[in-house]
């Protein structure tokens, strides 16, 4: 029976994301920050796009297509960056004291 190391990386990413989600929840509760429903959607969308970007980037390199990998980094990274900055700018005015 051979063991595929790819499952190790999926488990590691899953544990890190789960821990990060718990930490984010605790941090929001500690600082008494309330997110509206659309801000939660933007946060989840940003995380899902980030995971998709990582998978696409690595898979393109493994298939021997470095140009496709770098193009996916540009065309998926820019929307992730815009979503993150936009969400931060929506939440920041309510938390500044």
PDB file of N, CA and C in Angstrom:
ATOM      1  N   UNK A   1       0.836  -1.175   0.000  1.00  0.00           N
ATOM      2  CA  UNK A   1       0.000   0.000   0.000  1.00  0.00           C
ATOM      3  C   UNK A   1       0.885   1.244   0.000  1.00  0.00           C
ATOM      4  N   UNK A   2       0.687   2.098  -0.963  1.00  0.00           N
ATOM      5  CA  UNK A   2       1.482   3.324  -1.035  1.00  0.00           C
ATOM      6  C   UNK A   2       0.690   4.486  -0.441  1.00  0.00           C
ATOM      7  N   UNK A   3       1.423   5.376   0.155  1.00  0.00           N
ATOM      8  CA  UNK A   3       0.808   6.539   0.783  1.00  0.00           C
ATOM      9  C   UNK A   3       1.058   7.750  -0.099  1.00  0.00           C
ATOM     10  N   UNK A   4      -0.003   8.449  -0.428  1.00  0.00           N
ATOM     11  CA  UNK A   4       0.127   9.668  -1.210  1.00  0.00           C
ATOM     12  C   UNK A   4       0.299  10.848  -0.257  1.00  0.00           C
ATOM     13  N   UNK A   5       1.349  11.617  -0.456  1.00  0.00           N
ATOM     14  CA  UNK A   5       1.627  12.754   0.415  1.00  0.00           C
ATOM     15  C   UNK A   5       0.691  13.920   0.162  1.00  0.00           C
ATOM     16  N   UNK A   6      -0.039  13.890  -0.937  1.00  0.00           N
ATOM     17  CA  UNK A   6      -0.955  14.989  -1.225  1.00  0.00           C
ATOM     18  C   UNK A   6      -2.042  15.087  -0.161  1.00  0.00           C
ATOM     19  N   UNK A   7      -2.447  13.952   0.417  1.00  0.00           N
ATOM     20  CA  UNK A   7      -3.468  13.978   1.467  1.00  0.00           C
ATOM     21  C   UNK A   7      -2.951  14.646   2.728  1.00  0.00           C
ATOM     22  N   UNK A   8      -1.656  14.504   2.977  1.00  0.00           N
ATOM     23  CA  UNK A   8      -1.065  15.198   4.117  1.00  0.00           C
ATOM     24  C   UNK A   8      -1.217  16.701   3.966  1.00  0.00           C
ATOM     25  N   UNK A   9      -0.952  17.230   2.793  1.00  0.00           N
ATOM     26  CA  UNK A   9      -1.059  18.670   2.563  1.00  0.00           C
ATOM     27  C   UNK A   9      -2.500  19.141   2.659  1.00  0.00           C
ATOM     28  N   UNK A  10      -3.442  18.326   2.142  1.00  0.00           N
ATOM     29  CA  UNK A  10      -4.855  18.699   2.265  1.00  0.00           C
ATOM     30  C   UNK A  10      -5.272  18.737   3.734  1.00  0.00           C
ATOM     31  N   UNK A  11      -4.834  17.784   4.518  1.00  0.00           N
ATOM     32  CA  UNK A  11      -5.158  17.763   5.940  1.00  0.00           C
ATOM     33  C   UNK A  11      -4.520  18.956   6.660  1.00  0.00           C
ATOM     34  N   UNK A  12      -3.283  19.259   6.323  1.00  0.00           N
ATOM     35  CA  UNK A  12      -2.600  20.390   6.934  1.00  0.00           C
ATOM     36  C   UNK A  12      -3.325  21.698   6.636  1.00  0.00           C
ATOM     37  N   UNK A  13      -3.697  21.901   5.391  1.00  0.00           N
ATOM     38  CA  UNK A  13      -4.429  23.115   5.012  1.00  0.00           C
ATOM     39  C   UNK A  13      -5.783  23.152   5.724  1.00  0.00           C
ATOM     40  N   UNK A  14      -6.445  22.022   5.826  1.00  0.00           N
ATOM     41  CA  UNK A  14      -7.727  21.963   6.522  1.00  0.00           C
ATOM     42  C   UNK A  14      -7.610  22.325   7.986  1.00  0.00           C
ATOM     43  N   UNK A  15      -6.599  21.789   8.662  1.00  0.00           N
ATOM     44  CA  UNK A  15      -6.395  22.121  10.066  1.00  0.00           C
ATOM     45  C   UNK A  15      -6.035  23.595  10.248  1.00  0.00           C
ATOM     46  N   UNK A  16      -5.190  24.122   9.364  1.00  0.00           N
ATOM     47  CA  UNK A  16      -4.821  25.536   9.456  1.00  0.00           C
ATOM     48  C   UNK A  16      -6.022  26.440   9.217  1.00  0.00           C
ATOM     49  N   UNK A  17      -6.858  26.098   8.236  1.00  0.00           N
ATOM     50  CA  UNK A  17      -8.054  26.904   7.984  1.00  0.00           C
ATOM     51  C   UNK A  17      -9.046  26.814   9.132  1.00  0.00           C
ATOM     52  N   UNK A  18      -9.217  25.633   9.681  1.00  0.00           N
ATOM     53  CA  UNK A  18     -10.102  25.479  10.835  1.00  0.00           C
ATOM     54  C   UNK A  18      -9.614  26.266  12.040  1.00  0.00           C
ATOM     55  N   UNK A  19      -8.335  26.179  12.304  1.00  0.00           N
ATOM     56  CA  UNK A  19      -7.752  26.951  13.408  1.00  0.00           C
ATOM     57  C   UNK A  19      -7.849  28.444  13.170  1.00  0.00           C
ATOM     58  N   UNK A  20      -7.628  28.849  11.929  1.00  0.00           N
ATOM     59  CA  UNK A  20      -7.752  30.264  11.592  1.00  0.00           C
ATOM     60  C   UNK A  20      -9.176  30.767  11.738  1.00  0.00           C
ATOM     61  N   UNK A  21     -10.149  29.949  11.373  1.00  0.00           N
ATOM     62  CA  UNK A  21     -11.556  30.336  11.513  1.00  0.00           C
ATOM     63  C   UNK A  21     -11.929  30.467  12.986  1.00  0.00           C
ATOM     64  N   UNK A  22     -11.461  29.547  13.818  1.00  0.00           N
ATOM     65  CA  UNK A  22     -11.736  29.626  15.256  1.00  0.00           C
ATOM     66  C   UNK A  22     -11.072  30.873  15.847  1.00  0.00           C
ATOM     67  N   UNK A  23      -9.838  31.127  15.443  1.00  0.00           N
ATOM     68  CA  UNK A  23      -9.131  32.308  15.930  1.00  0.00           C
ATOM     69  C   UNK A  23      -9.835  33.590  15.494  1.00  0.00           C
ATOM     70  N   UNK A  24     -10.288  33.643  14.240  1.00  0.00           N
ATOM     71  CA  UNK A  24     -11.003  34.817  13.744  1.00  0.00           C
ATOM     72  C   UNK A  24     -12.288  35.031  14.535  1.00  0.00           C
ATOM     73  N   UNK A  25     -13.018  33.962  14.793  1.00  0.00           N
ATOM     74  CA  UNK A  25     -14.244  34.071  15.585  1.00  0.00           C
ATOM     75  C   UNK A  25     -13.974  34.571  16.990  1.00  0.00           C
ATOM     76  N   UNK A  26     -12.927  34.048  17.615  1.00  0.00           N
ATOM     77  CA  UNK A  26     -12.586  34.490  18.970  1.00  0.00           C
ATOM     78  C   UNK A  26     -12.123  35.947  18.981  1.00  0.00           C
ATOM     79  N   UNK A  27     -11.371  36.345  17.963  1.00  0.00           N
ATOM     80  CA  UNK A  27     -10.888  37.721  17.880  1.00  0.00           C
ATOM     81  C   UNK A  27     -12.041  38.695  17.670  1.00  0.00           C
ATOM     82  N   UNK A  28     -12.982  38.332  16.801  1.00  0.00           N
ATOM     83  CA  UNK A  28     -14.143  39.193  16.576  1.00  0.00           C
ATOM     84  C   UNK A  28     -14.989  39.312  17.839  1.00  0.00           C
ATOM     85  N   UNK A  29     -15.142  38.219  18.563  1.00  0.00           N
ATOM     86  CA  UNK A  29     -15.930  38.241  19.795  1.00  0.00           C
ATOM     87  C   UNK A  29     -15.226  39.048  20.877  1.00  0.00           C
ATOM     88  N   UNK A  30     -13.913  38.899  20.980  1.00  0.00           N
ATOM     89  CA  UNK A  30     -13.137  39.612  21.992  1.00  0.00           C
ATOM     90  C   UNK A  30     -13.180  41.119  21.771  1.00  0.00           C
ATOM     91  N   UNK A  31     -13.102  41.539  20.523  1.00  0.00           N
ATOM     92  CA  UNK A  31     -13.098  42.970  20.205  1.00  0.00           C
ATOM     93  C   UNK A  31     -14.504  43.514  19.964  1.00  0.00           C
ATOM     94  N   UNK A  32     -15.525  42.671  20.115  1.00  0.00           N
ATOM     95  CA  UNK A  32     -16.933  43.051  19.953  1.00  0.00           C
ATOM     96  C   UNK A  32     -17.202  43.641  18.563  1.00  0.00           C
ATOM     97  N   UNK A  33     -16.688  42.974  17.545  1.00  0.00           N
ATOM     98  CA  UNK A  33     -16.904  43.401  16.165  1.00  0.00           C
ATOM     99  C   UNK A  33     -18.012  42.541  15.573  1.00  0.00           C
ATOM    100  N   UNK A  34     -19.044  43.194  15.084  1.00  0.00           N
ATOM    101  CA  UNK A  34     -20.155  42.482  14.446  1.00  0.00           C
ATOM    102  C   UNK A  34     -20.035  42.647  12.933  1.00  0.00           C
ATOM    103  N   UNK A  35     -20.048  41.520  12.229  1.00  0.00           N
ATOM    104  CA  UNK A  35     -20.022  41.555  10.768  1.00  0.00           C
ATOM    105  C   UNK A  35     -21.440  41.373  10.239  1.00  0.00           C
ATOM    106  N   UNK A  36     -21.773  42.120   9.203  1.00  0.00           N
ATOM    107  CA  UNK A  36     -23.077  41.950   8.567  1.00  0.00           C
ATOM    108  C   UNK A  36     -23.039  40.719   7.679  1.00  0.00           C
ATOM    109  N   UNK A  37     -24.167  40.307   7.186  1.00  0.00           N
ATOM    110  CA  UNK A  37     -24.252  39.073   6.405  1.00  0.00           C
ATOM    111  C   UNK A  37     -23.420  39.145   5.132  1.00  0.00           C
ATOM    112  N   UNK A  38     -23.403  40.302   4.471  1.00  0.00           N
ATOM    113  CA  UNK A  38     -22.643  40.394   3.223  1.00  0.00           C
ATOM    114  C   UNK A  38     -21.138  40.452   3.472  1.00  0.00           C
ATOM    115  N   UNK A  39     -20.722  40.925   4.645  1.00  0.00           N
ATOM    116  CA  UNK A  39     -19.299  40.895   4.977  1.00  0.00           C
ATOM    117  C   UNK A  39     -18.838  39.465   5.215  1.00  0.00           C
ATOM    118  N   UNK A  40     -19.686  38.646   5.830  1.00  0.00           N
ATOM    119  CA  UNK A  40     -19.353  37.230   5.996  1.00  0.00           C
ATOM    120  C   UNK A  40     -19.219  36.548   4.643  1.00  0.00           C
ATOM    121  N   UNK A  41     -20.120  36.881   3.731  1.00  0.00           N
ATOM    122  CA  UNK A  41     -20.051  36.293   2.385  1.00  0.00           C
ATOM    123  C   UNK A  41     -18.754  36.703   1.697  1.00  0.00           C
ATOM    124  N   UNK A  42     -18.354  37.963   1.834  1.00  0.00           N
ATOM    125  CA  UNK A  42     -17.105  38.420   1.230  1.00  0.00           C
ATOM    126  C   UNK A  42     -15.887  37.722   1.841  1.00  0.00           C
ATOM    127  N   UNK A  43     -15.896  37.514   3.151  1.00  0.00           N
ATOM    128  CA  UNK A  43     -14.784  36.818   3.811  1.00  0.00           C
ATOM    129  C   UNK A  43     -14.685  35.377   3.314  1.00  0.00           C
ATOM    130  N   UNK A  44     -15.810  34.680   3.276  1.00  0.00           N
ATOM    131  CA  UNK A  44     -15.812  33.283   2.810  1.00  0.00           C
ATOM    132  C   UNK A  44     -15.413  33.203   1.342  1.00  0.00           C
ATOM    133  N   UNK A  45     -15.933  34.124   0.526  1.00  0.00           N
ATOM    134  CA  UNK A  45     -15.570  34.148  -0.894  1.00  0.00           C
ATOM    135  C   UNK A  45     -14.071  34.381  -1.080  1.00  0.00           C
ATOM    136  N   UNK A  46     -13.501  35.273  -0.292  1.00  0.00           N
ATOM    137  CA  UNK A  46     -12.064  35.522  -0.359  1.00  0.00           C
ATOM    138  C   UNK A  46     -11.247  34.289   0.002  1.00  0.00           C
ATOM    139  N   UNK A  47     -11.658  33.563   1.059  1.00  0.00           N
ATOM    140  CA  UNK A  47     -10.950  32.343   1.444  1.00  0.00           C
ATOM    141  C   UNK A  47     -11.073  31.256   0.382  1.00  0.00           C
ATOM    142  N   UNK A  48     -12.262  31.098  -0.169  1.00  0.00           N
ATOM    143  CA  UNK A  48     -12.459  30.063  -1.196  1.00  0.00           C
ATOM    144  C   UNK A  48     -11.640  30.391  -2.442  1.00  0.00           C
ATOM    145  N   UNK A  49     -11.645  31.639  -2.851  1.00  0.00           N
ATOM    146  CA  UNK A  49     -10.830  32.032  -4.011  1.00  0.00           C
ATOM    147  C   UNK A  49      -9.343  31.856  -3.728  1.00  0.00           C
ATOM    148  N   UNK A  50      -8.916  32.125  -2.504  1.00  0.00           N
ATOM    149  CA  UNK A  50      -7.512  31.942  -2.146  1.00  0.00           C
ATOM    150  C   UNK A  50      -7.108  30.471  -2.231  1.00  0.00           C
ATOM    151  N   UNK A  51      -7.974  29.589  -1.746  1.00  0.00           N
ATOM    152  CA  UNK A  51      -7.698  28.150  -1.846  1.00  0.00           C
ATOM    153  C   UNK A  51      -7.670  27.708  -3.308  1.00  0.00           C
ATOM    154  N   UNK A  52      -8.605  28.204  -4.100  1.00  0.00           N
ATOM    155  CA  UNK A  52      -8.628  27.873  -5.525  1.00  0.00           C
ATOM    156  C   UNK A  52      -7.370  28.378  -6.220  1.00  0.00           C
ATOM    157  N   UNK A  53      -6.920  29.566  -5.847  1.00  0.00           N
ATOM    158  CA  UNK A  53      -5.697  30.118  -6.422  1.00  0.00           C
ATOM    159  C   UNK A  53      -4.493  29.242  -6.092  1.00  0.00           C
ATOM    160  N   UNK A  54      -4.387  28.811  -4.841  1.00  0.00           N
ATOM    161  CA  UNK A  54      -3.259  27.959  -4.459  1.00  0.00           C
ATOM    162  C   UNK A  54      -3.253  26.650  -5.211  1.00  0.00           C
ATOM    163  N   UNK A  55      -4.421  26.015  -5.318  1.00  0.00           N
ATOM    164  CA  UNK A  55      -4.524  24.740  -6.039  1.00  0.00           C
ATOM    165  C   UNK A  55      -4.191  24.925  -7.524  1.00  0.00           C
ATOM    166  N   UNK A  56      -4.708  25.979  -8.125  1.00  0.00           N
ATOM    167  CA  UNK A  56      -4.460  26.226  -9.545  1.00  0.00           C
ATOM    168  C   UNK A  56      -2.988  26.525  -9.804  1.00  0.00           C
ATOM    169  N   UNK A  57      -2.383  27.318  -8.936  1.00  0.00           N
ATOM    170  CA  UNK A  57      -0.980  27.693  -9.093  1.00  0.00           C
ATOM    171  C   UNK A  57      -0.072  26.465  -9.008  1.00  0.00           C
ATOM    172  N   UNK A  58      -0.268  25.654  -7.983  1.00  0.00           N
ATOM    173  CA  UNK A  58       0.566  24.465  -7.799  1.00  0.00           C
ATOM    174  C   UNK A  58       0.315  23.445  -8.914  1.00  0.00           C
ATOM    175  N   UNK A  59      -0.942  23.213  -9.261  1.00  0.00           N
ATOM    176  CA  UNK A  59      -1.259  22.224 -10.291  1.00  0.00           C
ATOM    177  C   UNK A  59      -0.701  22.622 -11.649  1.00  0.00           C
ATOM    178  N   UNK A  60      -0.717  23.920 -11.959  1.00  0.00           N
ATOM    179  CA  UNK A  60      -0.161  24.365 -13.240  1.00  0.00           C
ATOM    180  C   UNK A  60       1.337  24.125 -13.304  1.00  0.00           C
ATOM    181  N   UNK A  61       2.040  24.365 -12.204  1.00  0.00           N
ATOM    182  CA  UNK A  61       3.472  24.084 -12.184  1.00  0.00           C
ATOM    183  C   UNK A  61       3.750  22.589 -12.298  1.00  0.00           C
ATOM    184  N   UNK A  62       2.942  21.771 -11.615  1.00  0.00           N
ATOM    185  CA  UNK A  62       3.149  20.327 -11.681  1.00  0.00           C
ATOM    186  C   UNK A  62       2.878  19.774 -13.075  1.00  0.00           C
ATOM    187  N   UNK A  63       2.003  20.429 -13.820  1.00  0.00           N
ATOM    188  CA  UNK A  63       1.716  19.993 -15.189  1.00  0.00           C
ATOM    189  C   UNK A  63       2.713  20.561 -16.193  1.00  0.00           C
ATOM    190  N   UNK A  64       3.665  21.343 -15.713  1.00  0.00           N
ATOM    191  CA  UNK A  64       4.683  21.885 -16.606  1.00  0.00           C
ATOM    192  C   UNK A  64       4.236  23.117 -17.369  1.00  0.00           C
ATOM    193  N   UNK A  65       3.326  23.878 -16.800  1.00  0.00           N
ATOM    194  CA  UNK A  65       2.825  25.086 -17.440  1.00  0.00           C
ATOM    195  C   UNK A  65       3.078  26.294 -16.528  1.00  0.00           C
ATOM    196  N   UNK A  66       4.324  26.753 -16.440  1.00  0.00           N
ATOM    197  CA  UNK A  66       4.611  27.858 -15.521  1.00  0.00           C
ATOM    198  C   UNK A  66       3.942  29.175 -15.929  1.00  0.00           C
ATOM    199  N   UNK A  67       3.788  29.402 -17.225  1.00  0.00           N
ATOM    200  CA  UNK A  67       3.137  30.646 -17.646  1.00  0.00           C
ATOM    201  C   UNK A  67       1.674  30.675 -17.206  1.00  0.00           C
ATOM    202  N   UNK A  68       0.994  29.559 -17.313  1.00  0.00           N
ATOM    203  CA  UNK A  68      -0.397  29.478 -16.851  1.00  0.00           C
ATOM    204  C   UNK A  68      -0.472  29.688 -15.337  1.00  0.00           C
ATOM    205  N   UNK A  69       0.525  29.181 -14.618  1.00  0.00           N
ATOM    206  CA  UNK A  69       0.540  29.362 -13.167  1.00  0.00           C
ATOM    207  C   UNK A  69       0.661  30.837 -12.806  1.00  0.00           C
ATOM    208  N   UNK A  70       1.574  31.541 -13.459  1.00  0.00           N
ATOM    209  CA  UNK A  70       1.753  32.953 -13.142  1.00  0.00           C
ATOM    210  C   UNK A  70       0.563  33.789 -13.604  1.00  0.00           C
ATOM    211  N   UNK A  71      -0.051  33.415 -14.710  1.00  0.00           N
ATOM    212  CA  UNK A  71      -1.241  34.142 -15.171  1.00  0.00           C
ATOM    213  C   UNK A  71      -2.409  33.930 -14.205  1.00  0.00           C
ATOM    214  N   UNK A  72      -2.548  32.711 -13.685  1.00  0.00           N
ATOM    215  CA  UNK A  72      -3.618  32.470 -12.707  1.00  0.00           C
ATOM    216  C   UNK A  72      -3.357  33.265 -11.437  1.00  0.00           C
ATOM    217  N   UNK A  73      -2.093  33.430 -11.085  1.00  0.00           N
ATOM    218  CA  UNK A  73      -1.755  34.235  -9.918  1.00  0.00           C
ATOM    219  C   UNK A  73      -2.187  35.686 -10.114  1.00  0.00           C
ATOM    220  N   UNK A  74      -2.015  36.190 -11.314  1.00  0.00           N
ATOM    221  CA  UNK A  74      -2.411  37.568 -11.604  1.00  0.00           C
ATOM    222  C   UNK A  74      -3.928  37.696 -11.655  1.00  0.00           C
ATOM    223  N   UNK A  75      -4.577  36.825 -12.429  1.00  0.00           N
ATOM    224  CA  UNK A  75      -6.012  36.986 -12.674  1.00  0.00           C
ATOM    225  C   UNK A  75      -6.889  36.511 -11.512  1.00  0.00           C
ATOM    226  N   UNK A  76      -6.381  35.693 -10.630  1.00  0.00           N
ATOM    227  CA  UNK A  76      -7.132  35.321  -9.438  1.00  0.00           C
ATOM    228  C   UNK A  76      -6.670  36.104  -8.215  1.00  0.00           C
ATOM    229  N   UNK A  77      -5.426  36.515  -8.204  1.00  0.00           N
ATOM    230  CA  UNK A  77      -4.899  37.249  -7.059  1.00  0.00           C
ATOM    231  C   UNK A  77      -5.462  38.654  -6.951  1.00  0.00           C
ATOM    232  N   UNK A  78      -5.677  39.308  -8.076  1.00  0.00           N
ATOM    233  CA  UNK A  78      -6.221  40.668  -8.051  1.00  0.00           C
ATOM    234  C   UNK A  78      -7.636  40.711  -7.459  1.00  0.00           C
ATOM    235  N   UNK A  79      -8.568  39.844  -7.875  1.00  0.00           N
ATOM    236  CA  UNK A  79      -9.887  39.874  -7.224  1.00  0.00           C
ATOM    237  C   UNK A  79      -9.832  39.531  -5.729  1.00  0.00           C
ATOM    238  N   UNK A  80      -8.942  38.619  -5.351  1.00  0.00           N
ATOM    239  CA  UNK A  80      -8.804  38.284  -3.927  1.00  0.00           C
ATOM    240  C   UNK A  80      -8.333  39.505  -3.153  1.00  0.00           C
ATOM    241  N   UNK A  81      -7.379  40.211  -3.708  1.00  0.00           N
ATOM    242  CA  UNK A  81      -6.865  41.413  -3.066  1.00  0.00           C
ATOM    243  C   UNK A  81      -7.956  42.484  -2.963  1.00  0.00           C
ATOM    244  N   UNK A  82      -8.724  42.678  -4.019  1.00  0.00           N
ATOM    245  CA  UNK A  82      -9.801  43.672  -3.999  1.00  0.00           C
ATOM    246  C   UNK A  82     -10.889  43.304  -2.993  1.00  0.00           C
ATOM    247  N   UNK A  83     -11.250  42.034  -2.911  1.00  0.00           N
ATOM    248  CA  UNK A  83     -12.257  41.592  -1.945  1.00  0.00           C
ATOM    249  C   UNK A  83     -11.746  41.806  -0.519  1.00  0.00           C
ATOM    250  N   UNK A  84     -10.497  41.461  -0.270  1.00  0.00           N
ATOM    251  CA  UNK A  84      -9.939  41.635   1.069  1.00  0.00           C
ATOM    252  C   UNK A  84      -9.863  43.088   1.496  1.00  0.00           C
ATOM    253  N   UNK A  85      -9.378  43.946   0.611  1.00  0.00           N
ATOM    254  CA  UNK A  85      -9.277  45.370   0.943  1.00  0.00           C
ATOM    255  C   UNK A  85     -10.668  45.975   1.104  1.00  0.00           C
ATOM    256  N   UNK A  86     -11.606  45.593   0.226  1.00  0.00           N
ATOM    257  CA  UNK A  86     -12.964  46.106   0.329  1.00  0.00           C
ATOM    258  C   UNK A  86     -13.637  45.699   1.627  1.00  0.00           C
ATOM    259  N   UNK A  87     -13.472  44.469   2.035  1.00  0.00           N
ATOM    260  CA  UNK A  87     -14.061  43.998   3.284  1.00  0.00           C
ATOM    261  C   UNK A  87     -13.429  44.707   4.475  1.00  0.00           C
ATOM    262  N   UNK A  88     -12.125  44.875   4.437  1.00  0.00           N
ATOM    263  CA  UNK A  88     -11.433  45.577   5.522  1.00  0.00           C
ATOM    264  C   UNK A  88     -11.936  47.010   5.633  1.00  0.00           C
ATOM    265  N   UNK A  89     -12.123  47.669   4.489  1.00  0.00           N
ATOM    266  CA  UNK A  89     -12.591  49.056   4.497  1.00  0.00           C
ATOM    267  C   UNK A  89     -14.047  49.170   4.952  1.00  0.00           C
ATOM    268  N   UNK A  90     -14.830  48.110   4.772  1.00  0.00           N
ATOM    269  CA  UNK A  90     -16.206  48.121   5.270  1.00  0.00           C
ATOM    270  C   UNK A  90     -16.258  47.988   6.793  1.00  0.00           C
ATOM    271  N   UNK A  91     -15.351  47.190   7.346  1.00  0.00           N
ATOM    272  CA  UNK A  91     -15.380  46.886   8.772  1.00  0.00           C
ATOM    273  C   UNK A  91     -14.610  47.921   9.589  1.00  0.00           C
ATOM    274  N   UNK A  92     -13.551  48.481   9.051  1.00  0.00           N
ATOM    275  CA  UNK A  92     -12.656  49.366   9.805  1.00  0.00           C
ATOM    276  C   UNK A  92     -13.339  50.577  10.418  1.00  0.00           C
ATOM    277  N   UNK A  93     -14.224  51.305   9.727  1.00  0.00           N
ATOM    278  CA  UNK A  93     -14.830  52.485  10.360  1.00  0.00           C
ATOM    279  C   UNK A  93     -15.656  52.165  11.612  1.00  0.00           C
ATOM    280  N   UNK A  94     -16.229  50.993  11.690  1.00  0.00           N
ATOM    281  CA  UNK A  94     -17.035  50.621  12.853  1.00  0.00           C
ATOM    282  C   UNK A  94     -16.172  50.224  14.036  1.00  0.00           C
ATOM    283  N   UNK A  95     -14.911  49.871  13.793  1.00  0.00           N
ATOM    284  CA  UNK A  95     -14.046  49.400  14.874  1.00  0.00           C
ATOM    285  C   UNK A  95     -13.121  50.490  15.392  1.00  0.00           C
ATOM    286  N   UNK A  96     -12.974  51.606  14.658  1.00  0.00           N
ATOM    287  CA  UNK A  96     -12.076  52.678  15.081  1.00  0.00           C
ATOM    288  C   UNK A  96     -12.703  53.433  16.250  1.00  0.00           C
ATOM    289  N   UNK A  97     -11.958  53.484  17.349  1.00  0.00           N
ATOM    290  CA  UNK A  97     -12.452  54.186  18.544  1.00  0.00           C
ATOM    291  C   UNK A  97     -11.385  55.078  19.086  1.00  0.00           C
TER     292      UNK A  97
END
